[in-house]
């Protein structure tokens, strides 16, 4: 089961990279070439941007939840460490 969750996270990381590149390409093309005067093309590009942003947000949530569960706190001062719920953290990932 751990391999499935790791592969799921790896898939979402790859999707983040792919979707961010696609969004950058759309926005770059819009500014370098210019927007079309065709209302359908404008609506299609807005729909594509909205879909990409939704996919990016979903993948960020999955990756963020995984990182939150598996990574130790980076700060080592007493105040930061006292705020960590150690009972929820496992070094081996979610079970």
PDB file of N, CA and C in Angstrom:
ATOM      1  N   UNK A   1       0.818  -1.194   0.000  1.00  0.00           N
ATOM      2  CA  UNK A   1       0.000   0.000   0.000  1.00  0.00           C
ATOM      3  C   UNK A   1       0.861   1.256   0.000  1.00  0.00           C
ATOM      4  N   UNK A   2       2.008   1.209   0.655  1.00  0.00           N
ATOM      5  CA  UNK A   2       2.885   2.370   0.691  1.00  0.00           C
ATOM      6  C   UNK A   2       3.376   2.701  -0.713  1.00  0.00           C
ATOM      7  N   UNK A   3       3.674   1.682  -1.517  1.00  0.00           N
ATOM      8  CA  UNK A   3       4.137   1.925  -2.881  1.00  0.00           C
ATOM      9  C   UNK A   3       3.064   2.630  -3.696  1.00  0.00           C
ATOM     10  N   UNK A   4       1.793   2.269  -3.479  1.00  0.00           N
ATOM     11  CA  UNK A   4       0.709   2.934  -4.206  1.00  0.00           C
ATOM     12  C   UNK A   4       0.641   4.414  -3.858  1.00  0.00           C
ATOM     13  N   UNK A   5       0.750   4.746  -2.575  1.00  0.00           N
ATOM     14  CA  UNK A   5       0.672   6.157  -2.211  1.00  0.00           C
ATOM     15  C   UNK A   5       1.895   6.914  -2.717  1.00  0.00           C
ATOM     16  N   UNK A   6       3.055   6.291  -2.697  1.00  0.00           N
ATOM     17  CA  UNK A   6       4.248   6.963  -3.222  1.00  0.00           C
ATOM     18  C   UNK A   6       4.142   7.161  -4.724  1.00  0.00           C
ATOM     19  N   UNK A   7       3.638   6.168  -5.447  1.00  0.00           N
ATOM     20  CA  UNK A   7       3.509   6.323  -6.895  1.00  0.00           C
ATOM     21  C   UNK A   7       2.434   7.357  -7.223  1.00  0.00           C
ATOM     22  N   UNK A   8       1.405   7.437  -6.377  1.00  0.00           N
ATOM     23  CA  UNK A   8       0.372   8.447  -6.577  1.00  0.00           C
ATOM     24  C   UNK A   8       0.968   9.841  -6.410  1.00  0.00           C
ATOM     25  N   UNK A   9       1.791  10.004  -5.399  1.00  0.00           N
ATOM     26  CA  UNK A   9       2.427  11.298  -5.163  1.00  0.00           C
ATOM     27  C   UNK A   9       3.396  11.618  -6.294  1.00  0.00           C
ATOM     28  N   UNK A  10       4.142  10.616  -6.734  1.00  0.00           N
ATOM     29  CA  UNK A  10       5.074  10.827  -7.847  1.00  0.00           C
ATOM     30  C   UNK A  10       4.309  11.223  -9.114  1.00  0.00           C
ATOM     31  N   UNK A  11       3.157  10.603  -9.340  1.00  0.00           N
ATOM     32  CA  UNK A  11       2.341  10.937 -10.507  1.00  0.00           C
ATOM     33  C   UNK A  11       1.867  12.383 -10.406  1.00  0.00           C
ATOM     34  N   UNK A  12       1.426  12.792  -9.212  1.00  0.00           N
ATOM     35  CA  UNK A  12       0.956  14.165  -9.034  1.00  0.00           C
ATOM     36  C   UNK A  12       2.098  15.174  -9.195  1.00  0.00           C
ATOM     37  N   UNK A  13       3.298  14.818  -8.746  1.00  0.00           N
ATOM     38  CA  UNK A  13       4.445  15.710  -8.950  1.00  0.00           C
ATOM     39  C   UNK A  13       4.730  15.879 -10.447  1.00  0.00           C
ATOM     40  N   UNK A  14       4.640  14.782 -11.197  1.00  0.00           N
ATOM     41  CA  UNK A  14       4.853  14.860 -12.651  1.00  0.00           C
ATOM     42  C   UNK A  14       3.751  15.690 -13.312  1.00  0.00           C
ATOM     43  N   UNK A  15       2.510  15.524 -12.848  1.00  0.00           N
ATOM     44  CA  UNK A  15       1.404  16.296 -13.390  1.00  0.00           C
ATOM     45  C   UNK A  15       1.575  17.787 -13.108  1.00  0.00           C
ATOM     46  N   UNK A  16       2.072  18.098 -11.902  1.00  0.00           N
ATOM     47  CA  UNK A  16       2.332  19.499 -11.571  1.00  0.00           C
ATOM     48  C   UNK A  16       3.307  20.112 -12.564  1.00  0.00           C
ATOM     49  N   UNK A  17       4.386  19.389 -12.819  1.00  0.00           N
ATOM     50  CA  UNK A  17       5.405  19.895 -13.744  1.00  0.00           C
ATOM     51  C   UNK A  17       4.816  20.073 -15.141  1.00  0.00           C
ATOM     52  N   UNK A  18       4.066  19.081 -15.596  1.00  0.00           N
ATOM     53  CA  UNK A  18       3.478  19.131 -16.939  1.00  0.00           C
ATOM     54  C   UNK A  18       2.436  20.243 -17.053  1.00  0.00           C
ATOM     55  N   UNK A  19       1.548  20.345 -16.074  1.00  0.00           N
ATOM     56  CA  UNK A  19       0.481  21.347 -16.139  1.00  0.00           C
ATOM     57  C   UNK A  19       1.004  22.765 -15.978  1.00  0.00           C
ATOM     58  N   UNK A  20       2.022  22.940 -15.141  1.00  0.00           N
ATOM     59  CA  UNK A  20       2.622  24.276 -15.011  1.00  0.00           C
ATOM     60  C   UNK A  20       3.304  24.694 -16.303  1.00  0.00           C
ATOM     61  N   UNK A  21       3.954  23.742 -16.978  1.00  0.00           N
ATOM     62  CA  UNK A  21       4.592  24.054 -18.260  1.00  0.00           C
ATOM     63  C   UNK A  21       3.549  24.412 -19.307  1.00  0.00           C
ATOM     64  N   UNK A  22       2.432  23.690 -19.332  1.00  0.00           N
ATOM     65  CA  UNK A  22       1.370  23.983 -20.292  1.00  0.00           C
ATOM     66  C   UNK A  22       0.757  25.352 -20.016  1.00  0.00           C
ATOM     67  N   UNK A  23       0.542  25.674 -18.754  1.00  0.00           N
ATOM     68  CA  UNK A  23      -0.006  26.984 -18.395  1.00  0.00           C
ATOM     69  C   UNK A  23       0.956  28.100 -18.788  1.00  0.00           C
ATOM     70  N   UNK A  24       2.234  27.884 -18.555  1.00  0.00           N
ATOM     71  CA  UNK A  24       3.235  28.881 -18.930  1.00  0.00           C
ATOM     72  C   UNK A  24       3.254  29.081 -20.444  1.00  0.00           C
ATOM     73  N   UNK A  25       3.110  27.984 -21.187  1.00  0.00           N
ATOM     74  CA  UNK A  25       3.113  28.076 -22.643  1.00  0.00           C
ATOM     75  C   UNK A  25       1.905  28.867 -23.140  1.00  0.00           C
ATOM     76  N   UNK A  26       0.737  28.620 -22.559  1.00  0.00           N
ATOM     77  CA  UNK A  26      -0.472  29.350 -22.966  1.00  0.00           C
ATOM     78  C   UNK A  26      -0.316  30.837 -22.662  1.00  0.00           C
ATOM     79  N   UNK A  27       0.156  31.155 -21.470  1.00  0.00           N
ATOM     80  CA  UNK A  27       0.294  32.559 -21.094  1.00  0.00           C
ATOM     81  C   UNK A  27       1.380  33.254 -21.898  1.00  0.00           C
ATOM     82  N   UNK A  28       2.467  32.550 -22.178  1.00  0.00           N
ATOM     83  CA  UNK A  28       3.535  33.134 -22.989  1.00  0.00           C
ATOM     84  C   UNK A  28       3.040  33.409 -24.404  1.00  0.00           C
ATOM     85  N   UNK A  29       2.300  32.455 -24.962  1.00  0.00           N
ATOM     86  CA  UNK A  29       1.774  32.644 -26.316  1.00  0.00           C
ATOM     87  C   UNK A  29       0.791  33.808 -26.354  1.00  0.00           C
ATOM     88  N   UNK A  30       0.015  33.957 -25.309  1.00  0.00           N
ATOM     89  CA  UNK A  30      -0.961  35.041 -25.276  1.00  0.00           C
ATOM     90  C   UNK A  30      -0.273  36.403 -25.298  1.00  0.00           C
ATOM     91  N   UNK A  31       0.876  36.508 -24.643  1.00  0.00           N
ATOM     92  CA  UNK A  31       1.561  37.798 -24.587  1.00  0.00           C
ATOM     93  C   UNK A  31       2.503  38.034 -25.767  1.00  0.00           C
ATOM     94  N   UNK A  32       3.077  36.969 -26.322  1.00  0.00           N
ATOM     95  CA  UNK A  32       3.998  37.171 -27.443  1.00  0.00           C
ATOM     96  C   UNK A  32       3.263  37.265 -28.772  1.00  0.00           C
ATOM     97  N   UNK A  33       2.222  36.447 -28.945  1.00  0.00           N
ATOM     98  CA  UNK A  33       1.482  36.449 -30.207  1.00  0.00           C
ATOM     99  C   UNK A  33       0.313  37.413 -30.139  1.00  0.00           C
ATOM    100  N   UNK A  34      -0.309  37.466 -28.978  1.00  0.00           N
ATOM    101  CA  UNK A  34      -1.493  38.303 -28.810  1.00  0.00           C
ATOM    102  C   UNK A  34      -2.729  37.426 -28.774  1.00  0.00           C
ATOM    103  N   UNK A  35      -3.794  37.989 -28.259  1.00  0.00           N
ATOM    104  CA  UNK A  35      -5.037  37.228 -28.180  1.00  0.00           C
ATOM    105  C   UNK A  35      -5.787  37.326 -29.497  1.00  0.00           C
ATOM    106  N   UNK A  36      -6.493  36.275 -29.795  1.00  0.00           N
ATOM    107  CA  UNK A  36      -7.293  36.229 -31.006  1.00  0.00           C
ATOM    108  C   UNK A  36      -8.534  37.096 -30.833  1.00  0.00           C
ATOM    109  N   UNK A  37      -9.050  37.578 -31.948  1.00  0.00           N
ATOM    110  CA  UNK A  37     -10.280  38.360 -31.892  1.00  0.00           C
ATOM    111  C   UNK A  37     -11.501  37.453 -31.885  1.00  0.00           C
ATOM    112  N   UNK A  38     -11.280  36.176 -32.143  1.00  0.00           N
ATOM    113  CA  UNK A  38     -12.364  35.194 -32.176  1.00  0.00           C
ATOM    114  C   UNK A  38     -12.847  34.898 -30.758  1.00  0.00           C
ATOM    115  N   UNK A  39     -14.127  35.086 -30.529  1.00  0.00           N
ATOM    116  CA  UNK A  39     -14.693  34.873 -29.187  1.00  0.00           C
ATOM    117  C   UNK A  39     -14.576  33.419 -28.756  1.00  0.00           C
ATOM    118  N   UNK A  40     -14.691  32.502 -29.711  1.00  0.00           N
ATOM    119  CA  UNK A  40     -14.566  31.074 -29.374  1.00  0.00           C
ATOM    120  C   UNK A  40     -13.155  30.730 -28.906  1.00  0.00           C
ATOM    121  N   UNK A  41     -12.169  31.304 -29.565  1.00  0.00           N
ATOM    122  CA  UNK A  41     -10.785  31.041 -29.188  1.00  0.00           C
ATOM    123  C   UNK A  41     -10.479  31.611 -27.809  1.00  0.00           C
ATOM    124  N   UNK A  42     -11.005  32.776 -27.519  1.00  0.00           N
ATOM    125  CA  UNK A  42     -10.800  33.385 -26.199  1.00  0.00           C
ATOM    126  C   UNK A  42     -11.440  32.521 -25.122  1.00  0.00           C
ATOM    127  N   UNK A  43     -12.670  32.064 -25.387  1.00  0.00           N
ATOM    128  CA  UNK A  43     -13.378  31.215 -24.421  1.00  0.00           C
ATOM    129  C   UNK A  43     -12.654  29.877 -24.234  1.00  0.00           C
ATOM    130  N   UNK A  44     -12.147  29.315 -25.319  1.00  0.00           N
ATOM    131  CA  UNK A  44     -11.422  28.043 -25.241  1.00  0.00           C
ATOM    132  C   UNK A  44     -10.151  28.195 -24.410  1.00  0.00           C
ATOM    133  N   UNK A  45      -9.421  29.283 -24.612  1.00  0.00           N
ATOM    134  CA  UNK A  45      -8.188  29.477 -23.850  1.00  0.00           C
ATOM    135  C   UNK A  45      -8.496  29.741 -22.375  1.00  0.00           C
ATOM    136  N   UNK A  46      -9.581  30.476 -22.092  1.00  0.00           N
ATOM    137  CA  UNK A  46      -9.972  30.691 -20.697  1.00  0.00           C
ATOM    138  C   UNK A  46     -10.353  29.373 -20.029  1.00  0.00           C
ATOM    139  N   UNK A  47     -11.056  28.517 -20.765  1.00  0.00           N
ATOM    140  CA  UNK A  47     -11.441  27.219 -20.232  1.00  0.00           C
ATOM    141  C   UNK A  47     -10.212  26.349 -19.972  1.00  0.00           C
ATOM    142  N   UNK A  48      -9.256  26.363 -20.893  1.00  0.00           N
ATOM    143  CA  UNK A  48      -8.028  25.596 -20.719  1.00  0.00           C
ATOM    144  C   UNK A  48      -7.251  26.073 -19.493  1.00  0.00           C
ATOM    145  N   UNK A  49      -7.140  27.385 -19.323  1.00  0.00           N
ATOM    146  CA  UNK A  49      -6.425  27.945 -18.180  1.00  0.00           C
ATOM    147  C   UNK A  49      -7.125  27.550 -16.881  1.00  0.00           C
ATOM    148  N   UNK A  50      -8.452  27.616 -16.867  1.00  0.00           N
ATOM    149  CA  UNK A  50      -9.203  27.251 -15.659  1.00  0.00           C
ATOM    150  C   UNK A  50      -9.020  25.773 -15.325  1.00  0.00           C
ATOM    151  N   UNK A  51      -9.048  24.918 -16.342  1.00  0.00           N
ATOM    152  CA  UNK A  51      -8.845  23.481 -16.115  1.00  0.00           C
ATOM    153  C   UNK A  51      -7.447  23.201 -15.592  1.00  0.00           C
ATOM    154  N   UNK A  52      -6.458  23.860 -16.178  1.00  0.00           N
ATOM    155  CA  UNK A  52      -5.078  23.655 -15.727  1.00  0.00           C
ATOM    156  C   UNK A  52      -4.892  24.129 -14.287  1.00  0.00           C
ATOM    157  N   UNK A  53      -5.470  25.272 -13.955  1.00  0.00           N
ATOM    158  CA  UNK A  53      -5.354  25.778 -12.586  1.00  0.00           C
ATOM    159  C   UNK A  53      -6.024  24.835 -11.594  1.00  0.00           C
ATOM    160  N   UNK A  54      -7.155  24.250 -11.977  1.00  0.00           N
ATOM    161  CA  UNK A  54      -7.836  23.293 -11.109  1.00  0.00           C
ATOM    162  C   UNK A  54      -6.986  22.037 -10.911  1.00  0.00           C
ATOM    163  N   UNK A  55      -6.410  21.530 -11.996  1.00  0.00           N
ATOM    164  CA  UNK A  55      -5.557  20.343 -11.901  1.00  0.00           C
ATOM    165  C   UNK A  55      -4.323  20.626 -11.053  1.00  0.00           C
ATOM    166  N   UNK A  56      -3.743  21.807 -11.236  1.00  0.00           N
ATOM    167  CA  UNK A  56      -2.563  22.180 -10.451  1.00  0.00           C
ATOM    168  C   UNK A  56      -2.915  22.251  -8.973  1.00  0.00           C
ATOM    169  N   UNK A  57      -4.039  22.867  -8.657  1.00  0.00           N
ATOM    170  CA  UNK A  57      -4.467  22.998  -7.255  1.00  0.00           C
ATOM    171  C   UNK A  57      -4.697  21.625  -6.621  1.00  0.00           C
ATOM    172  N   UNK A  58      -5.340  20.709  -7.358  1.00  0.00           N
ATOM    173  CA  UNK A  58      -5.592  19.368  -6.837  1.00  0.00           C
ATOM    174  C   UNK A  58      -4.287  18.619  -6.581  1.00  0.00           C
ATOM    175  N   UNK A  59      -3.354  18.695  -7.518  1.00  0.00           N
ATOM    176  CA  UNK A  59      -2.073  18.007  -7.353  1.00  0.00           C
ATOM    177  C   UNK A  59      -1.272  18.617  -6.211  1.00  0.00           C
ATOM    178  N   UNK A  60      -1.321  19.939  -6.073  1.00  0.00           N
ATOM    179  CA  UNK A  60      -0.617  20.583  -4.960  1.00  0.00           C
ATOM    180  C   UNK A  60      -1.174  20.124  -3.620  1.00  0.00           C
ATOM    181  N   UNK A  61      -2.484  19.923  -3.542  1.00  0.00           N
ATOM    182  CA  UNK A  61      -3.085  19.460  -2.299  1.00  0.00           C
ATOM    183  C   UNK A  61      -2.633  18.049  -1.955  1.00  0.00           C
ATOM    184  N   UNK A  62      -2.586  17.161  -2.949  1.00  0.00           N
ATOM    185  CA  UNK A  62      -2.154  15.781  -2.701  1.00  0.00           C
ATOM    186  C   UNK A  62      -0.693  15.760  -2.260  1.00  0.00           C
ATOM    187  N   UNK A  63       0.157  16.474  -2.975  1.00  0.00           N
ATOM    188  CA  UNK A  63       1.580  16.502  -2.640  1.00  0.00           C
ATOM    189  C   UNK A  63       1.798  17.171  -1.282  1.00  0.00           C
ATOM    190  N   UNK A  64       1.092  18.253  -1.032  1.00  0.00           N
ATOM    191  CA  UNK A  64       1.220  18.960   0.240  1.00  0.00           C
ATOM    192  C   UNK A  64       0.798  18.104   1.413  1.00  0.00           C
ATOM    193  N   UNK A  65      -0.300  17.366   1.260  1.00  0.00           N
ATOM    194  CA  UNK A  65      -0.757  16.475   2.331  1.00  0.00           C
ATOM    195  C   UNK A  65       0.273  15.383   2.593  1.00  0.00           C
ATOM    196  N   UNK A  66       0.844  14.838   1.535  1.00  0.00           N
ATOM    197  CA  UNK A  66       1.867  13.801   1.688  1.00  0.00           C
ATOM    198  C   UNK A  66       3.097  14.349   2.401  1.00  0.00           C
ATOM    199  N   UNK A  67       3.540  15.525   1.971  1.00  0.00           N
ATOM    200  CA  UNK A  67       4.716  16.134   2.593  1.00  0.00           C
ATOM    201  C   UNK A  67       4.460  16.469   4.059  1.00  0.00           C
ATOM    202  N   UNK A  68       3.266  16.920   4.333  1.00  0.00           N
ATOM    203  CA  UNK A  68       2.920  17.270   5.710  1.00  0.00           C
ATOM    204  C   UNK A  68       2.954  16.036   6.615  1.00  0.00           C
ATOM    205  N   UNK A  69       2.561  14.886   6.091  1.00  0.00           N
ATOM    206  CA  UNK A  69       2.526  13.662   6.888  1.00  0.00           C
ATOM    207  C   UNK A  69       3.882  12.995   7.027  1.00  0.00           C
ATOM    208  N   UNK A  70       4.748  13.161   6.049  1.00  0.00           N
ATOM    209  CA  UNK A  70       5.985  12.386   6.047  1.00  0.00           C
ATOM    210  C   UNK A  70       7.242  13.162   6.414  1.00  0.00           C
ATOM    211  N   UNK A  71       7.219  14.457   6.293  1.00  0.00           N
ATOM    212  CA  UNK A  71       8.443  15.226   6.563  1.00  0.00           C
ATOM    213  C   UNK A  71       8.497  15.702   8.006  1.00  0.00           C
ATOM    214  N   UNK A  72       9.681  15.670   8.540  1.00  0.00           N
ATOM    215  CA  UNK A  72       9.891  16.197   9.886  1.00  0.00           C
ATOM    216  C   UNK A  72       9.978  17.711   9.818  1.00  0.00           C
ATOM    217  N   UNK A  73       9.734  18.376  10.934  1.00  0.00           N
ATOM    218  CA  UNK A  73       9.881  19.841  10.937  1.00  0.00           C
ATOM    219  C   UNK A  73      11.335  20.233  10.697  1.00  0.00           C
ATOM    220  N   UNK A  74      11.540  21.310   9.980  1.00  0.00           N
ATOM    221  CA  UNK A  74      12.898  21.750   9.663  1.00  0.00           C
ATOM    222  C   UNK A  74      13.513  22.551  10.799  1.00  0.00           C
ATOM    223  N   UNK A  75      12.703  23.266  11.535  1.00  0.00           N
ATOM    224  CA  UNK A  75      13.228  24.073  12.633  1.00  0.00           C
ATOM    225  C   UNK A  75      13.562  23.175  13.823  1.00  0.00           C
ATOM    226  N   UNK A  76      14.616  23.520  14.529  1.00  0.00           N
ATOM    227  CA  UNK A  76      15.028  22.686  15.659  1.00  0.00           C
ATOM    228  C   UNK A  76      15.009  23.448  16.983  1.00  0.00           C
ATOM    229  N   UNK A  77      14.416  24.622  17.002  1.00  0.00           N
ATOM    230  CA  UNK A  77      14.345  25.339  18.269  1.00  0.00           C
ATOM    231  C   UNK A  77      13.197  24.769  19.110  1.00  0.00           C
ATOM    232  N   UNK A  78      13.267  24.945  20.393  1.00  0.00           N
ATOM    233  CA  UNK A  78      12.312  24.341  21.311  1.00  0.00           C
ATOM    234  C   UNK A  78      10.888  24.810  21.038  1.00  0.00           C
ATOM    235  N   UNK A  79      10.717  26.057  20.711  1.00  0.00           N
ATOM    236  CA  UNK A  79       9.384  26.591  20.472  1.00  0.00           C
ATOM    237  C   UNK A  79       8.729  25.921  19.262  1.00  0.00           C
ATOM    238  N   UNK A  80       9.468  25.766  18.172  1.00  0.00           N
ATOM    239  CA  UNK A  80       8.925  25.125  16.978  1.00  0.00           C
ATOM    240  C   UNK A  80       8.627  23.655  17.225  1.00  0.00           C
ATOM    241  N   UNK A  81       9.535  22.987  17.912  1.00  0.00           N
ATOM    242  CA  UNK A  81       9.348  21.566  18.148  1.00  0.00           C
ATOM    243  C   UNK A  81       8.217  21.289  19.134  1.00  0.00           C
ATOM    244  N   UNK A  82       7.934  22.215  20.025  1.00  0.00           N
ATOM    245  CA  UNK A  82       6.857  21.994  20.987  1.00  0.00           C
ATOM    246  C   UNK A  82       5.483  22.116  20.334  1.00  0.00           C
ATOM    247  N   UNK A  83       5.404  22.745  19.161  1.00  0.00           N
ATOM    248  CA  UNK A  83       4.133  22.900  18.464  1.00  0.00           C
ATOM    249  C   UNK A  83       3.820  21.747  17.524  1.00  0.00           C
ATOM    250  N   UNK A  84       4.713  20.772  17.415  1.00  0.00           N
ATOM    251  CA  UNK A  84       4.526  19.663  16.488  1.00  0.00           C
ATOM    252  C   UNK A  84       3.769  18.544  17.181  1.00  0.00           C
ATOM    253  N   UNK A  85       2.759  18.004  16.494  1.00  0.00           N
ATOM    254  CA  UNK A  85       2.040  16.849  17.018  1.00  0.00           C
ATOM    255  C   UNK A  85       2.788  15.591  16.577  1.00  0.00           C
ATOM    256  N   UNK A  86       3.684  15.121  17.383  1.00  0.00           N
ATOM    257  CA  UNK A  86       4.541  13.998  17.012  1.00  0.00           C
ATOM    258  C   UNK A  86       3.768  12.698  16.872  1.00  0.00           C
ATOM    259  N   UNK A  87       2.625  12.574  17.497  1.00  0.00           N
ATOM    260  CA  UNK A  87       1.867  11.326  17.382  1.00  0.00           C
ATOM    261  C   UNK A  87       1.349  11.125  15.962  1.00  0.00           C
ATOM    262  N   UNK A  88       1.238  12.206  15.188  1.00  0.00           N
ATOM    263  CA  UNK A  88       0.752  12.107  13.821  1.00  0.00           C
ATOM    264  C   UNK A  88       1.869  11.920  12.801  1.00  0.00           C
ATOM    265  N   UNK A  89       3.100  12.045  13.229  1.00  0.00           N
ATOM    266  CA  UNK A  89       4.216  11.949  12.283  1.00  0.00           C
ATOM    267  C   UNK A  89       4.819  10.568  12.328  1.00  0.00           C
ATOM    268  N   UNK A  90       5.054   9.988  11.156  1.00  0.00           N
ATOM    269  CA  UNK A  90       5.769   8.716  11.056  1.00  0.00           C
ATOM    270  C   UNK A  90       6.863   8.891  10.039  1.00  0.00           C
ATOM    271  N   UNK A  91       8.006   8.335  10.305  1.00  0.00           N
ATOM    272  CA  UNK A  91       9.129   8.452   9.381  1.00  0.00           C
ATOM    273  C   UNK A  91       8.985   7.568   8.166  1.00  0.00           C
ATOM    274  N   UNK A  92       8.095   6.598   8.215  1.00  0.00           N
ATOM    275  CA  UNK A  92       7.939   5.647   7.108  1.00  0.00           C
ATOM    276  C   UNK A  92       6.797   6.016   6.179  1.00  0.00           C
ATOM    277  N   UNK A  93       6.135   7.100   6.404  1.00  0.00           N
ATOM    278  CA  UNK A  93       5.027   7.502   5.554  1.00  0.00           C
ATOM    279  C   UNK A  93       3.708   7.066   6.140  1.00  0.00           C
ATOM    280  N   UNK A  94       2.617   7.414   5.463  1.00  0.00           N
ATOM    281  CA  UNK A  94       1.293   7.089   5.998  1.00  0.00           C
ATOM    282  C   UNK A  94       1.047   5.589   5.962  1.00  0.00           C
ATOM    283  N   UNK A  95       0.315   5.127   6.947  1.00  0.00           N
ATOM    284  CA  UNK A  95       0.005   3.696   6.997  1.00  0.00           C
ATOM    285  C   UNK A  95      -1.462   3.463   6.927  1.00  0.00           C
TER     286      UNK A  95
END
